[in-house]
């Protein structure tokens, strides 16, 4: 996992753990201090590794809890 992916996962995990809400990609880009293109590329990688639920058509991202990831 590269630095951007780790940073996004940490932001998403903290947001999901504390507020149990989804986060919009523009808001995620602002928190991570990255460009939206970098965010989308990192989200795609995290989705492939089953850390998050996200589709290109969705503007929101959700963390997959650890017990669901193990499948």
PDB file of N, CA and C in Angstrom:
ATOM      1  N   UNK A   1       0.844  -1.170   0.000  1.00  0.00           N
ATOM      2  CA  UNK A   1       0.000   0.000   0.000  1.00  0.00           C
ATOM      3  C   UNK A   1       0.897   1.244   0.000  1.00  0.00           C
ATOM      4  N   UNK A   2       0.597   2.186  -0.868  1.00  0.00           N
ATOM      5  CA  UNK A   2       1.413   3.401  -0.891  1.00  0.00           C
ATOM      6  C   UNK A   2       0.909   4.409   0.151  1.00  0.00           C
ATOM      7  N   UNK A   3       1.596   5.534   0.249  1.00  0.00           N
ATOM      8  CA  UNK A   3       1.299   6.528   1.278  1.00  0.00           C
ATOM      9  C   UNK A   3      -0.114   7.090   1.153  1.00  0.00           C
ATOM     10  N   UNK A   4      -0.544   7.384  -0.059  1.00  0.00           N
ATOM     11  CA  UNK A   4      -1.882   7.932  -0.266  1.00  0.00           C
ATOM     12  C   UNK A   4      -2.946   6.922   0.148  1.00  0.00           C
ATOM     13  N   UNK A   5      -2.765   5.665  -0.218  1.00  0.00           N
ATOM     14  CA  UNK A   5      -3.726   4.627   0.152  1.00  0.00           C
ATOM     15  C   UNK A   5      -3.806   4.470   1.662  1.00  0.00           C
ATOM     16  N   UNK A   6      -2.662   4.446   2.330  1.00  0.00           N
ATOM     17  CA  UNK A   6      -2.648   4.328   3.793  1.00  0.00           C
ATOM     18  C   UNK A   6      -3.341   5.521   4.446  1.00  0.00           C
ATOM     19  N   UNK A   7      -3.058   6.714   3.920  1.00  0.00           N
ATOM     20  CA  UNK A   7      -3.654   7.923   4.489  1.00  0.00           C
ATOM     21  C   UNK A   7      -5.168   7.912   4.317  1.00  0.00           C
ATOM     22  N   UNK A   8      -5.630   7.540   3.134  1.00  0.00           N
ATOM     23  CA  UNK A   8      -7.066   7.476   2.892  1.00  0.00           C
ATOM     24  C   UNK A   8      -7.742   6.442   3.776  1.00  0.00           C
ATOM     25  N   UNK A   9      -7.126   5.288   3.903  1.00  0.00           N
ATOM     26  CA  UNK A   9      -7.718   4.245   4.725  1.00  0.00           C
ATOM     27  C   UNK A   9      -7.803   4.685   6.179  1.00  0.00           C
ATOM     28  N   UNK A  10      -6.798   5.369   6.670  1.00  0.00           N
ATOM     29  CA  UNK A  10      -6.813   5.862   8.048  1.00  0.00           C
ATOM     30  C   UNK A  10      -7.921   6.919   8.225  1.00  0.00           C
ATOM     31  N   UNK A  11      -8.042   7.827   7.275  1.00  0.00           N
ATOM     32  CA  UNK A  11      -9.104   8.843   7.337  1.00  0.00           C
ATOM     33  C   UNK A  11     -10.476   8.173   7.309  1.00  0.00           C
ATOM     34  N   UNK A  12     -10.656   7.246   6.380  1.00  0.00           N
ATOM     35  CA  UNK A  12     -11.936   6.555   6.254  1.00  0.00           C
ATOM     36  C   UNK A  12     -12.264   5.745   7.495  1.00  0.00           C
ATOM     37  N   UNK A  13     -11.273   5.038   8.021  1.00  0.00           N
ATOM     38  CA  UNK A  13     -11.485   4.213   9.208  1.00  0.00           C
ATOM     39  C   UNK A  13     -11.872   5.077  10.401  1.00  0.00           C
ATOM     40  N   UNK A  14     -11.157   6.181  10.588  1.00  0.00           N
ATOM     41  CA  UNK A  14     -11.474   7.071  11.706  1.00  0.00           C
ATOM     42  C   UNK A  14     -12.862   7.681  11.553  1.00  0.00           C
ATOM     43  N   UNK A  15     -13.191   8.085  10.362  1.00  0.00           N
ATOM     44  CA  UNK A  15     -14.510   8.688  10.119  1.00  0.00           C
ATOM     45  C   UNK A  15     -15.609   7.657  10.332  1.00  0.00           C
ATOM     46  N   UNK A  16     -15.409   6.453   9.809  1.00  0.00           N
ATOM     47  CA  UNK A  16     -16.407   5.397   9.931  1.00  0.00           C
ATOM     48  C   UNK A  16     -16.544   4.968  11.392  1.00  0.00           C
ATOM     49  N   UNK A  17     -15.426   4.854  12.099  1.00  0.00           N
ATOM     50  CA  UNK A  17     -15.443   4.410  13.486  1.00  0.00           C
ATOM     51  C   UNK A  17     -16.083   5.396  14.438  1.00  0.00           C
ATOM     52  N   UNK A  18     -15.910   6.671  14.183  1.00  0.00           N
ATOM     53  CA  UNK A  18     -16.429   7.684  15.093  1.00  0.00           C
ATOM     54  C   UNK A  18     -17.834   8.149  14.729  1.00  0.00           C
ATOM     55  N   UNK A  19     -18.108   8.256  13.450  1.00  0.00           N
ATOM     56  CA  UNK A  19     -19.394   8.817  13.038  1.00  0.00           C
ATOM     57  C   UNK A  19     -20.266   7.839  12.277  1.00  0.00           C
ATOM     58  N   UNK A  20     -19.683   6.705  11.847  1.00  0.00           N
ATOM     59  CA  UNK A  20     -20.403   5.688  11.086  1.00  0.00           C
ATOM     60  C   UNK A  20     -21.134   6.304   9.892  1.00  0.00           C
ATOM     61  N   UNK A  21     -20.427   7.182   9.189  1.00  0.00           N
ATOM     62  CA  UNK A  21     -20.999   7.837   8.023  1.00  0.00           C
ATOM     63  C   UNK A  21     -20.094   7.637   6.818  1.00  0.00           C
ATOM     64  N   UNK A  22     -20.669   7.862   5.654  1.00  0.00           N
ATOM     65  CA  UNK A  22     -19.870   7.843   4.430  1.00  0.00           C
ATOM     66  C   UNK A  22     -19.244   9.218   4.257  1.00  0.00           C
ATOM     67  N   UNK A  23     -18.197   9.280   3.445  1.00  0.00           N
ATOM     68  CA  UNK A  23     -17.508  10.545   3.224  1.00  0.00           C
ATOM     69  C   UNK A  23     -17.450  10.823   1.722  1.00  0.00           C
ATOM     70  N   UNK A  24     -17.724  12.039   1.330  1.00  0.00           N
ATOM     71  CA  UNK A  24     -17.716  12.427  -0.079  1.00  0.00           C
ATOM     72  C   UNK A  24     -16.274  12.551  -0.575  1.00  0.00           C
ATOM     73  N   UNK A  25     -16.060  12.241  -1.833  1.00  0.00           N
ATOM     74  CA  UNK A  25     -14.710  12.267  -2.418  1.00  0.00           C
ATOM     75  C   UNK A  25     -14.090  13.667  -2.350  1.00  0.00           C
ATOM     76  N   UNK A  26     -14.811  14.754  -2.660  1.00  0.00           N
ATOM     77  CA  UNK A  26     -14.194  16.079  -2.522  1.00  0.00           C
ATOM     78  C   UNK A  26     -13.750  16.377  -1.082  1.00  0.00           C
ATOM     79  N   UNK A  27     -14.551  15.940  -0.128  1.00  0.00           N
ATOM     80  CA  UNK A  27     -14.200  16.128   1.282  1.00  0.00           C
ATOM     81  C   UNK A  27     -12.977  15.276   1.638  1.00  0.00           C
ATOM     82  N   UNK A  28     -12.930  14.068   1.122  1.00  0.00           N
ATOM     83  CA  UNK A  28     -11.788  13.182   1.349  1.00  0.00           C
ATOM     84  C   UNK A  28     -10.516  13.777   0.747  1.00  0.00           C
ATOM     85  N   UNK A  29     -10.615  14.364  -0.432  1.00  0.00           N
ATOM     86  CA  UNK A  29      -9.464  15.009  -1.066  1.00  0.00           C
ATOM     87  C   UNK A  29      -8.954  16.171  -0.219  1.00  0.00           C
ATOM     88  N   UNK A  30      -9.874  16.901   0.369  1.00  0.00           N
ATOM     89  CA  UNK A  30      -9.483  18.022   1.226  1.00  0.00           C
ATOM     90  C   UNK A  30      -8.786  17.526   2.482  1.00  0.00           C
ATOM     91  N   UNK A  31      -9.331  16.493   3.127  1.00  0.00           N
ATOM     92  CA  UNK A  31      -8.712  15.942   4.334  1.00  0.00           C
ATOM     93  C   UNK A  31      -7.325  15.369   4.045  1.00  0.00           C
ATOM     94  N   UNK A  32      -7.182  14.668   2.915  1.00  0.00           N
ATOM     95  CA  UNK A  32      -5.928  14.006   2.570  1.00  0.00           C
ATOM     96  C   UNK A  32      -4.924  14.957   1.922  1.00  0.00           C
ATOM     97  N   UNK A  33      -5.376  16.140   1.541  1.00  0.00           N
ATOM     98  CA  UNK A  33      -4.532  17.112   0.852  1.00  0.00           C
ATOM     99  C   UNK A  33      -3.939  16.523  -0.430  1.00  0.00           C
ATOM    100  N   UNK A  34      -4.806  15.866  -1.188  1.00  0.00           N
ATOM    101  CA  UNK A  34      -4.432  15.260  -2.450  1.00  0.00           C
ATOM    102  C   UNK A  34      -5.410  15.717  -3.532  1.00  0.00           C
ATOM    103  N   UNK A  35      -5.032  15.549  -4.783  1.00  0.00           N
ATOM    104  CA  UNK A  35      -5.901  15.853  -5.910  1.00  0.00           C
ATOM    105  C   UNK A  35      -6.971  14.764  -6.033  1.00  0.00           C
ATOM    106  N   UNK A  36      -8.115  15.127  -6.592  1.00  0.00           N
ATOM    107  CA  UNK A  36      -9.213  14.171  -6.746  1.00  0.00           C
ATOM    108  C   UNK A  36      -8.772  12.971  -7.587  1.00  0.00           C
ATOM    109  N   UNK A  37      -7.957  13.189  -8.606  1.00  0.00           N
ATOM    110  CA  UNK A  37      -7.452  12.091  -9.429  1.00  0.00           C
ATOM    111  C   UNK A  37      -6.633  11.097  -8.625  1.00  0.00           C
ATOM    112  N   UNK A  38      -5.790  11.600  -7.732  1.00  0.00           N
ATOM    113  CA  UNK A  38      -5.000  10.728  -6.866  1.00  0.00           C
ATOM    114  C   UNK A  38      -5.914   9.944  -5.924  1.00  0.00           C
ATOM    115  N   UNK A  39      -6.942  10.616  -5.438  1.00  0.00           N
ATOM    116  CA  UNK A  39      -7.888   9.976  -4.529  1.00  0.00           C
ATOM    117  C   UNK A  39      -8.603   8.835  -5.238  1.00  0.00           C
ATOM    118  N   UNK A  40      -9.099   9.094  -6.431  1.00  0.00           N
ATOM    119  CA  UNK A  40      -9.821   8.056  -7.188  1.00  0.00           C
ATOM    120  C   UNK A  40      -8.927   6.856  -7.486  1.00  0.00           C
ATOM    121  N   UNK A  41      -7.684   7.097  -7.842  1.00  0.00           N
ATOM    122  CA  UNK A  41      -6.754   6.005  -8.127  1.00  0.00           C
ATOM    123  C   UNK A  41      -6.495   5.167  -6.864  1.00  0.00           C
ATOM    124  N   UNK A  42      -6.288   5.832  -5.748  1.00  0.00           N
ATOM    125  CA  UNK A  42      -6.050   5.123  -4.486  1.00  0.00           C
ATOM    126  C   UNK A  42      -7.306   4.377  -4.043  1.00  0.00           C
ATOM    127  N   UNK A  43      -8.486   4.976  -4.228  1.00  0.00           N
ATOM    128  CA  UNK A  43      -9.726   4.307  -3.863  1.00  0.00           C
ATOM    129  C   UNK A  43      -9.946   3.054  -4.685  1.00  0.00           C
ATOM    130  N   UNK A  44      -9.601   3.113  -5.961  1.00  0.00           N
ATOM    131  CA  UNK A  44      -9.714   1.938  -6.826  1.00  0.00           C
ATOM    132  C   UNK A  44      -8.854   0.792  -6.292  1.00  0.00           C
ATOM    133  N   UNK A  45      -7.650   1.106  -5.893  1.00  0.00           N
ATOM    134  CA  UNK A  45      -6.743   0.087  -5.346  1.00  0.00           C
ATOM    135  C   UNK A  45      -7.293  -0.479  -4.032  1.00  0.00           C
ATOM    136  N   UNK A  46      -7.790   0.396  -3.157  1.00  0.00           N
ATOM    137  CA  UNK A  46      -8.358  -0.062  -1.888  1.00  0.00           C
ATOM    138  C   UNK A  46      -9.606  -0.913  -2.113  1.00  0.00           C
ATOM    139  N   UNK A  47     -10.383  -0.567  -3.130  1.00  0.00           N
ATOM    140  CA  UNK A  47     -11.573  -1.361  -3.458  1.00  0.00           C
ATOM    141  C   UNK A  47     -11.178  -2.744  -3.957  1.00  0.00           C
ATOM    142  N   UNK A  48     -10.149  -2.814  -4.800  1.00  0.00           N
ATOM    143  CA  UNK A  48      -9.669  -4.095  -5.302  1.00  0.00           C
ATOM    144  C   UNK A  48      -9.187  -4.995  -4.172  1.00  0.00           C
ATOM    145  N   UNK A  49      -8.604  -4.389  -3.147  1.00  0.00           N
ATOM    146  CA  UNK A  49      -8.104  -5.151  -2.004  1.00  0.00           C
ATOM    147  C   UNK A  49      -9.174  -5.380  -0.940  1.00  0.00           C
ATOM    148  N   UNK A  50     -10.413  -4.938  -1.229  1.00  0.00           N
ATOM    149  CA  UNK A  50     -11.595  -5.126  -0.381  1.00  0.00           C
ATOM    150  C   UNK A  50     -11.493  -4.457   0.987  1.00  0.00           C
ATOM    151  N   UNK A  51     -10.870  -3.289   1.024  1.00  0.00           N
ATOM    152  CA  UNK A  51     -10.850  -2.483   2.238  1.00  0.00           C
ATOM    153  C   UNK A  51     -12.054  -1.552   2.295  1.00  0.00           C
ATOM    154  N   UNK A  52     -12.592  -1.189   1.124  1.00  0.00           N
ATOM    155  CA  UNK A  52     -13.691  -0.226   1.055  1.00  0.00           C
ATOM    156  C   UNK A  52     -14.731  -0.679   0.041  1.00  0.00           C
ATOM    157  N   UNK A  53     -15.914  -0.068   0.124  1.00  0.00           N
ATOM    158  CA  UNK A  53     -16.944  -0.193  -0.900  1.00  0.00           C
ATOM    159  C   UNK A  53     -17.000   1.135  -1.630  1.00  0.00           C
ATOM    160  N   UNK A  54     -16.847   1.080  -2.946  1.00  0.00           N
ATOM    161  CA  UNK A  54     -16.878   2.293  -3.754  1.00  0.00           C
ATOM    162  C   UNK A  54     -16.982   1.907  -5.218  1.00  0.00           C
ATOM    163  N   UNK A  55     -17.760   2.668  -5.956  1.00  0.00           N
ATOM    164  CA  UNK A  55     -17.850   2.527  -7.405  1.00  0.00           C
ATOM    165  C   UNK A  55     -17.621   3.893  -8.021  1.00  0.00           C
ATOM    166  N   UNK A  56     -17.131   3.906  -9.246  1.00  0.00           N
ATOM    167  CA  UNK A  56     -16.864   5.175  -9.923  1.00  0.00           C
ATOM    168  C   UNK A  56     -18.100   6.069  -9.981  1.00  0.00           C
ATOM    169  N   UNK A  57     -19.278   5.477 -10.055  1.00  0.00           N
ATOM    170  CA  UNK A  57     -20.502   6.253 -10.158  1.00  0.00           C
ATOM    171  C   UNK A  57     -20.949   6.802  -8.811  1.00  0.00           C
ATOM    172  N   UNK A  58     -20.391   6.263  -7.727  1.00  0.00           N
ATOM    173  CA  UNK A  58     -20.751   6.736  -6.388  1.00  0.00           C
ATOM    174  C   UNK A  58     -19.857   7.908  -6.008  1.00  0.00           C
ATOM    175  N   UNK A  59     -20.422   8.845  -5.302  1.00  0.00           N
ATOM    176  CA  UNK A  59     -19.629   9.969  -4.814  1.00  0.00           C
ATOM    177  C   UNK A  59     -19.224   9.751  -3.363  1.00  0.00           C
ATOM    178  N   UNK A  60     -19.584   8.593  -2.817  1.00  0.00           N
ATOM    179  CA  UNK A  60     -19.288   8.300  -1.416  1.00  0.00           C
ATOM    180  C   UNK A  60     -18.485   7.013  -1.287  1.00  0.00           C
ATOM    181  N   UNK A  61     -17.750   6.908  -0.179  1.00  0.00           N
ATOM    182  CA  UNK A  61     -16.903   5.753   0.111  1.00  0.00           C
ATOM    183  C   UNK A  61     -17.289   5.228   1.475  1.00  0.00           C
ATOM    184  N   UNK A  62     -17.266   3.892   1.653  1.00  0.00           N
ATOM    185  CA  UNK A  62     -17.574   3.282   2.943  1.00  0.00           C
ATOM    186  C   UNK A  62     -16.544   2.204   3.236  1.00  0.00           C
ATOM    187  N   UNK A  63     -16.063   2.146   4.476  1.00  0.00           N
ATOM    188  CA  UNK A  63     -15.098   1.134   4.907  1.00  0.00           C
ATOM    189  C   UNK A  63     -15.826  -0.178   5.124  1.00  0.00           C
ATOM    190  N   UNK A  64     -15.198  -1.273   4.708  1.00  0.00           N
ATOM    191  CA  UNK A  64     -15.737  -2.595   4.983  1.00  0.00           C
ATOM    192  C   UNK A  64     -15.162  -3.052   6.317  1.00  0.00           C
ATOM    193  N   UNK A  65     -16.014  -3.352   7.298  1.00  0.00           N
ATOM    194  CA  UNK A  65     -15.508  -3.826   8.585  1.00  0.00           C
ATOM    195  C   UNK A  65     -14.632  -5.054   8.437  1.00  0.00           C
ATOM    196  N   UNK A  66     -13.675  -5.226   9.316  1.00  0.00           N
ATOM    197  CA  UNK A  66     -12.692  -6.294   9.235  1.00  0.00           C
ATOM    198  C   UNK A  66     -13.269  -7.680   9.134  1.00  0.00           C
ATOM    199  N   UNK A  67     -14.373  -7.962   9.813  1.00  0.00           N
ATOM    200  CA  UNK A  67     -14.934  -9.308   9.766  1.00  0.00           C
ATOM    201  C   UNK A  67     -15.530  -9.621   8.406  1.00  0.00           C
ATOM    202  N   UNK A  68     -15.916  -8.618   7.620  1.00  0.00           N
ATOM    203  CA  UNK A  68     -16.408  -8.849   6.281  1.00  0.00           C
ATOM    204  C   UNK A  68     -15.266  -8.959   5.276  1.00  0.00           C
ATOM    205  N   UNK A  69     -14.159  -8.329   5.556  1.00  0.00           N
ATOM    206  CA  UNK A  69     -13.016  -8.324   4.650  1.00  0.00           C
ATOM    207  C   UNK A  69     -12.379  -9.707   4.559  1.00  0.00           C
ATOM    208  N   UNK A  70     -12.439 -10.506   5.603  1.00  0.00           N
ATOM    209  CA  UNK A  70     -11.749 -11.781   5.670  1.00  0.00           C
ATOM    210  C   UNK A  70     -12.341 -12.829   4.728  1.00  0.00           C
ATOM    211  N   UNK A  71     -13.526 -12.593   4.190  1.00  0.00           N
ATOM    212  CA  UNK A  71     -14.154 -13.592   3.323  1.00  0.00           C
ATOM    213  C   UNK A  71     -13.377 -13.900   2.096  1.00  0.00           C
TER     214      UNK A  71
END
